[in-house]
Amino acid sequence: MSKEPATPAIKDKQANPITIGIVMTLVALLAPFTVSFSSYDGPHLDGLYLSIIGILWNFSSSPYHTSLEMTNINILPVVIPFVFLRLTYAYQMVRFYKGRTTKKRTLALGIVSELPFAILLIPFFILSLLDSSISIMLAGPTLILLIVGLLIIRLKSPPEYLETWAELYEETP
């Protein structure tokens, strides 16, 4: 009696590091990195506000207007560190699928690449607590890049290498 593997057939196929790099780079540049939702109760700012921000674009919606804009060229120097972190994670995924780094380090860099967005939103959260006209404000990173990386790792097995860098330096008795 043979037992069939519980993993899907898609996992048996080896992943191409270049394809993973392209997918991760596109997600890093096009996926939103933060979403904020707020509700105001005041004479001039009454209603619900939604803002979704990506590196190359910005979407905002309120009772008064809805807009989708490309990132202003003057803002690009401000977003360069974020672009760098997101693209570094994409590159780390390529390194992982080439067998040059570990899964643990790749996932740690994925988390670090999303942290700045959470850290930057802390002052806005504190201001919303101090402002009585804001009845609710929720903001946070979308984690889409991290989730896509986790899904790729889960669905596409990395190539198996016979030796890791640590094994190369082990002394045999």
C-alpha atoms as a PDB file:
ATOM      1  CA  MET A   1       0.000   0.000   0.000  1.00  0.00           C
ATOM      2  CA  SER A   2       1.614   3.230  -1.160  1.00  0.00           C
ATOM      3  CA  LYS A   3       0.969   6.501   0.510  1.00  0.00           C
ATOM      4  CA  GLU A   4       0.472   9.573  -1.686  1.00  0.00           C
ATOM      5  CA  PRO A   5       2.231  12.744  -0.641  1.00  0.00           C
ATOM      6  CA  ALA A   6       0.080  15.246   1.208  1.00  0.00           C
ATOM      7  CA  THR A   7       1.731  18.189  -0.509  1.00  0.00           C
ATOM      8  CA  PRO A   8       0.300  19.512  -3.757  1.00  0.00           C
ATOM      9  CA  ALA A   9       1.969  18.702  -7.070  1.00  0.00           C
ATOM     10  CA  ILE A  10       2.873  22.358  -7.499  1.00  0.00           C
ATOM     11  CA  LYS A  11       5.409  22.015  -4.662  1.00  0.00           C
ATOM     12  CA  ASP A  12       7.298  19.244  -6.487  1.00  0.00           C
ATOM     13  CA  LYS A  13       8.332  21.588  -9.279  1.00  0.00           C
ATOM     14  CA  GLN A  14      11.553  23.487  -8.578  1.00  0.00           C
ATOM     15  CA  ALA A  15      11.337  27.258  -8.638  1.00  0.00           C
ATOM     16  CA  ASN A  16      13.357  29.467 -10.944  1.00  0.00           C
ATOM     17  CA  PRO A  17      15.185  32.158  -8.891  1.00  0.00           C
ATOM     18  CA  ILE A  18      14.926  34.712 -11.723  1.00  0.00           C
ATOM     19  CA  THR A  19      11.142  34.262 -11.946  1.00  0.00           C
ATOM     20  CA  ILE A  20      10.862  34.659  -8.177  1.00  0.00           C
ATOM     21  CA  GLY A  21      13.007  37.795  -8.341  1.00  0.00           C
ATOM     22  CA  ILE A  22      10.794  39.314 -11.035  1.00  0.00           C
ATOM     23  CA  VAL A  23       7.575  38.500  -9.142  1.00  0.00           C
ATOM     24  CA  MET A  24       8.941  39.831  -5.859  1.00  0.00           C
ATOM     25  CA  THR A  25      10.281  43.016  -7.510  1.00  0.00           C
ATOM     26  CA  LEU A  26       6.905  43.709  -9.131  1.00  0.00           C
ATOM     27  CA  VAL A  27       5.108  43.143  -5.829  1.00  0.00           C
ATOM     28  CA  ALA A  28       7.653  45.343  -4.009  1.00  0.00           C
ATOM     29  CA  LEU A  29       7.087  48.225  -6.431  1.00  0.00           C
ATOM     30  CA  LEU A  30       3.354  47.900  -7.125  1.00  0.00           C
ATOM     31  CA  ALA A  31       1.718  46.494  -3.984  1.00  0.00           C
ATOM     32  CA  PRO A  32       0.545  48.962  -1.339  1.00  0.00           C
ATOM     33  CA  PHE A  33       2.715  49.170   1.750  1.00  0.00           C
ATOM     34  CA  THR A  34       0.296  50.905   4.082  1.00  0.00           C
ATOM     35  CA  VAL A  35      -3.438  51.363   4.541  1.00  0.00           C
ATOM     36  CA  SER A  36      -5.120  53.852   6.821  1.00  0.00           C
ATOM     37  CA  PHE A  37      -8.774  54.192   7.716  1.00  0.00           C
ATOM     38  CA  SER A  38     -10.126  57.052   9.791  1.00  0.00           C
ATOM     39  CA  SER A  39     -13.442  58.476  10.823  1.00  0.00           C
ATOM     40  CA  TYR A  40     -13.872  62.130  11.705  1.00  0.00           C
ATOM     41  CA  ASP A  41     -16.749  63.727  13.535  1.00  0.00           C
ATOM     42  CA  GLY A  42     -16.493  67.473  13.166  1.00  0.00           C
ATOM     43  CA  PRO A  43     -17.881  70.450  11.299  1.00  0.00           C
ATOM     44  CA  HIS A  44     -15.332  70.412   8.456  1.00  0.00           C
ATOM     45  CA  LEU A  45     -14.093  66.821   8.376  1.00  0.00           C
ATOM     46  CA  ASP A  46     -17.165  64.655   8.767  1.00  0.00           C
ATOM     47  CA  GLY A  47     -17.058  61.132   7.378  1.00  0.00           C
ATOM     48  CA  LEU A  48     -14.873  58.152   6.595  1.00  0.00           C
ATOM     49  CA  TYR A  49     -11.442  58.472   5.018  1.00  0.00           C
ATOM     50  CA  LEU A  50      -9.413  55.731   3.356  1.00  0.00           C
ATOM     51  CA  SER A  51      -5.844  55.995   2.156  1.00  0.00           C
ATOM     52  CA  ILE A  52      -3.847  53.242   0.448  1.00  0.00           C
ATOM     53  CA  ILE A  53      -0.245  54.087  -0.307  1.00  0.00           C
ATOM     54  CA  GLY A  54       2.177  52.279  -2.566  1.00  0.00           C
ATOM     55  CA  ILE A  55       5.688  53.252  -3.534  1.00  0.00           C
ATOM     56  CA  LEU A  56       4.649  54.370  -7.017  1.00  0.00           C
ATOM     57  CA  TRP A  57       1.033  55.385  -6.356  1.00  0.00           C
ATOM     58  CA  ASN A  58      -1.453  56.699  -3.791  1.00  0.00           C
ATOM     59  CA  PHE A  59      -5.209  56.117  -3.523  1.00  0.00           C
ATOM     60  CA  SER A  60      -7.399  58.208  -1.242  1.00  0.00           C
ATOM     61  CA  SER A  61     -11.118  58.317  -0.721  1.00  0.00           C
ATOM     62  CA  SER A  62     -13.310  60.558   1.409  1.00  0.00           C
ATOM     63  CA  PRO A  63     -16.869  61.874   1.298  1.00  0.00           C
ATOM     64  CA  TYR A  64     -15.546  64.818  -0.721  1.00  0.00           C
ATOM     65  CA  HIS A  65     -13.246  63.233  -3.287  1.00  0.00           C
ATOM     66  CA  THR A  66     -11.632  60.033  -4.540  1.00  0.00           C
ATOM     67  CA  SER A  67      -8.264  60.044  -6.256  1.00  0.00           C
ATOM     68  CA  LEU A  68      -5.623  57.742  -7.625  1.00  0.00           C
ATOM     69  CA  GLU A  69      -2.310  59.495  -8.156  1.00  0.00           C
ATOM     70  CA  MET A  70       1.175  58.544  -9.218  1.00  0.00           C
ATOM     71  CA  THR A  71       3.865  59.359  -6.665  1.00  0.00           C
ATOM     72  CA  ASN A  72       5.130  62.901  -6.999  1.00  0.00           C
ATOM     73  CA  ILE A  73       8.733  63.062  -8.211  1.00  0.00           C
ATOM     74  CA  ASN A  74       9.576  65.330  -5.255  1.00  0.00           C
ATOM     75  CA  ILE A  75       8.547  62.588  -2.814  1.00  0.00           C
ATOM     76  CA  LEU A  76      10.842  59.946  -4.352  1.00  0.00           C
ATOM     77  CA  PRO A  77      13.886  60.820  -2.180  1.00  0.00           C
ATOM     78  CA  VAL A  78      11.718  60.146   0.880  1.00  0.00           C
ATOM     79  CA  VAL A  79      10.571  56.715  -0.348  1.00  0.00           C
ATOM     80  CA  ILE A  80      14.004  55.526  -1.562  1.00  0.00           C
ATOM     81  CA  PRO A  81      14.825  53.834   1.797  1.00  0.00           C
ATOM     82  CA  PHE A  82      11.526  51.964   1.637  1.00  0.00           C
ATOM     83  CA  VAL A  83      12.158  50.945  -1.958  1.00  0.00           C
ATOM     84  CA  PHE A  84      15.621  49.748  -0.943  1.00  0.00           C
ATOM     85  CA  LEU A  85      14.273  47.599   1.914  1.00  0.00           C
ATOM     86  CA  ARG A  86      11.544  46.048  -0.226  1.00  0.00           C
ATOM     87  CA  LEU A  87      13.925  45.329  -3.102  1.00  0.00           C
ATOM     88  CA  THR A  88      16.460  43.879  -0.664  1.00  0.00           C
ATOM     89  CA  TYR A  89      13.828  41.365   0.428  1.00  0.00           C
ATOM     90  CA  ALA A  90      13.128  40.516  -3.212  1.00  0.00           C
ATOM     91  CA  TYR A  91      16.859  39.956  -3.748  1.00  0.00           C
ATOM     92  CA  GLN A  92      17.039  37.840  -0.581  1.00  0.00           C
ATOM     93  CA  MET A  93      14.317  35.596  -1.991  1.00  0.00           C
ATOM     94  CA  VAL A  94      16.464  35.089  -5.104  1.00  0.00           C
ATOM     95  CA  ARG A  95      19.450  34.247  -2.898  1.00  0.00           C
ATOM     96  CA  PHE A  96      17.322  31.771  -0.938  1.00  0.00           C
ATOM     97  CA  TYR A  97      16.265  29.970  -4.097  1.00  0.00           C
ATOM     98  CA  LYS A  98      19.881  29.873  -5.272  1.00  0.00           C
ATOM     99  CA  GLY A  99      20.848  28.220  -1.966  1.00  0.00           C
ATOM    100  CA  ARG A 100      22.971  31.131  -0.750  1.00  0.00           C
ATOM    101  CA  THR A 101      21.041  31.922   2.415  1.00  0.00           C
ATOM    102  CA  THR A 102      18.684  30.276   4.876  1.00  0.00           C
ATOM    103  CA  LYS A 103      14.931  30.338   5.152  1.00  0.00           C
ATOM    104  CA  LYS A 104      15.180  31.873   8.621  1.00  0.00           C
ATOM    105  CA  ARG A 105      17.277  34.821   7.411  1.00  0.00           C
ATOM    106  CA  THR A 106      15.015  35.346   4.427  1.00  0.00           C
ATOM    107  CA  LEU A 107      11.890  35.505   6.602  1.00  0.00           C
ATOM    108  CA  ALA A 108      13.649  37.787   9.114  1.00  0.00           C
ATOM    109  CA  LEU A 109      14.533  40.223   6.322  1.00  0.00           C
ATOM    110  CA  GLY A 110      10.917  40.038   5.104  1.00  0.00           C
ATOM    111  CA  ILE A 111       9.734  41.171   8.532  1.00  0.00           C
ATOM    112  CA  VAL A 112      12.387  43.905   8.740  1.00  0.00           C
ATOM    113  CA  SER A 113      11.385  45.183   5.282  1.00  0.00           C
ATOM    114  CA  GLU A 114       7.858  45.862   6.577  1.00  0.00           C
ATOM    115  CA  LEU A 115       8.800  47.357   9.976  1.00  0.00           C
ATOM    116  CA  PRO A 116       9.521  50.966   8.893  1.00  0.00           C
ATOM    117  CA  PHE A 117       5.934  51.434   7.768  1.00  0.00           C
ATOM    118  CA  ALA A 118       4.628  50.340  11.151  1.00  0.00           C
ATOM    119  CA  ILE A 119       7.141  52.552  12.956  1.00  0.00           C
ATOM    120  CA  LEU A 120       6.224  55.599  10.858  1.00  0.00           C
ATOM    121  CA  LEU A 121       2.538  55.155  11.646  1.00  0.00           C
ATOM    122  CA  ILE A 122       3.040  55.278  15.434  1.00  0.00           C
ATOM    123  CA  PRO A 123       3.092  59.132  15.597  1.00  0.00           C
ATOM    124  CA  PHE A 124      -0.141  59.290  13.579  1.00  0.00           C
ATOM    125  CA  PHE A 125      -1.738  56.832  15.991  1.00  0.00           C
ATOM    126  CA  ILE A 126      -0.634  58.936  18.974  1.00  0.00           C
ATOM    127  CA  LEU A 127      -1.975  62.104  17.325  1.00  0.00           C
ATOM    128  CA  SER A 128      -5.297  60.403  16.689  1.00  0.00           C
ATOM    129  CA  LEU A 129      -5.556  59.555  20.386  1.00  0.00           C
ATOM    130  CA  LEU A 130      -4.941  63.211  21.290  1.00  0.00           C
ATOM    131  CA  ASP A 131      -7.344  64.664  18.705  1.00  0.00           C
ATOM    132  CA  SER A 132     -10.957  64.567  19.888  1.00  0.00           C
ATOM    133  CA  SER A 133     -12.384  65.056  16.374  1.00  0.00           C
ATOM    134  CA  ILE A 134     -11.052  61.635  15.300  1.00  0.00           C
ATOM    135  CA  SER A 135     -13.426  58.960  16.481  1.00  0.00           C
ATOM    136  CA  ILE A 136     -11.420  56.064  15.045  1.00  0.00           C
ATOM    137  CA  MET A 137      -8.149  55.670  13.205  1.00  0.00           C
ATOM    138  CA  LEU A 138      -6.613  52.422  12.061  1.00  0.00           C
ATOM    139  CA  ALA A 139      -3.407  52.335  10.088  1.00  0.00           C
ATOM    140  CA  GLY A 140      -0.781  49.757   9.428  1.00  0.00           C
ATOM    141  CA  PRO A 141       1.425  48.031   6.921  1.00  0.00           C
ATOM    142  CA  THR A 142      -0.312  45.738   4.459  1.00  0.00           C
ATOM    143  CA  LEU A 143       2.387  43.042   4.700  1.00  0.00           C
ATOM    144  CA  ILE A 144       1.574  42.011   1.121  1.00  0.00           C
ATOM    145  CA  LEU A 145       5.245  41.628   0.172  1.00  0.00           C
ATOM    146  CA  LEU A 146       5.906  39.417   3.201  1.00  0.00           C
ATOM    147  CA  ILE A 147       2.782  37.339   2.524  1.00  0.00           C
ATOM    148  CA  VAL A 148       3.712  36.830  -1.140  1.00  0.00           C
ATOM    149  CA  GLY A 149       7.199  35.723  -0.064  1.00  0.00           C
ATOM    150  CA  LEU A 150       5.727  33.271   2.451  1.00  0.00           C
ATOM    151  CA  LEU A 151       3.350  31.883  -0.170  1.00  0.00           C
ATOM    152  CA  ILE A 152       6.164  31.402  -2.665  1.00  0.00           C
ATOM    153  CA  ILE A 153       8.251  29.572  -0.064  1.00  0.00           C
ATOM    154  CA  ARG A 154       5.248  27.441   0.885  1.00  0.00           C
ATOM    155  CA  LEU A 155       4.221  26.566  -2.692  1.00  0.00           C
ATOM    156  CA  LYS A 156       7.587  26.306  -4.439  1.00  0.00           C
ATOM    157  CA  SER A 157      10.258  24.212  -2.830  1.00  0.00           C
ATOM    158  CA  PRO A 158      13.767  25.636  -2.993  1.00  0.00           C
ATOM    159  CA  PRO A 159      16.394  23.537  -4.741  1.00  0.00           C
ATOM    160  CA  GLU A 160      18.093  21.023  -2.500  1.00  0.00           C
ATOM    161  CA  TYR A 161      21.827  21.446  -2.247  1.00  0.00           C
ATOM    162  CA  LEU A 162      24.146  18.712  -1.075  1.00  0.00           C
ATOM    163  CA  GLU A 163      26.311  20.949   1.085  1.00  0.00           C
ATOM    164  CA  THR A 164      25.638  24.133   2.954  1.00  0.00           C
ATOM    165  CA  TRP A 165      28.349  26.666   3.702  1.00  0.00           C
ATOM    166  CA  ALA A 166      28.522  25.436   7.311  1.00  0.00           C
ATOM    167  CA  GLU A 167      29.083  21.856   6.165  1.00  0.00           C
ATOM    168  CA  LEU A 168      32.025  22.923   4.001  1.00  0.00           C
ATOM    169  CA  TYR A 169      34.022  23.929   7.075  1.00  0.00           C
ATOM    170  CA  GLU A 170      33.164  20.998   9.334  1.00  0.00           C
ATOM    171  CA  GLU A 171      36.080  18.816  10.237  1.00  0.00           C
ATOM    172  CA  THR A 172      35.532  15.118   9.911  1.00  0.00           C
ATOM    173  CA  PRO A 173      37.248  12.807  12.398  1.00  0.00           C
END
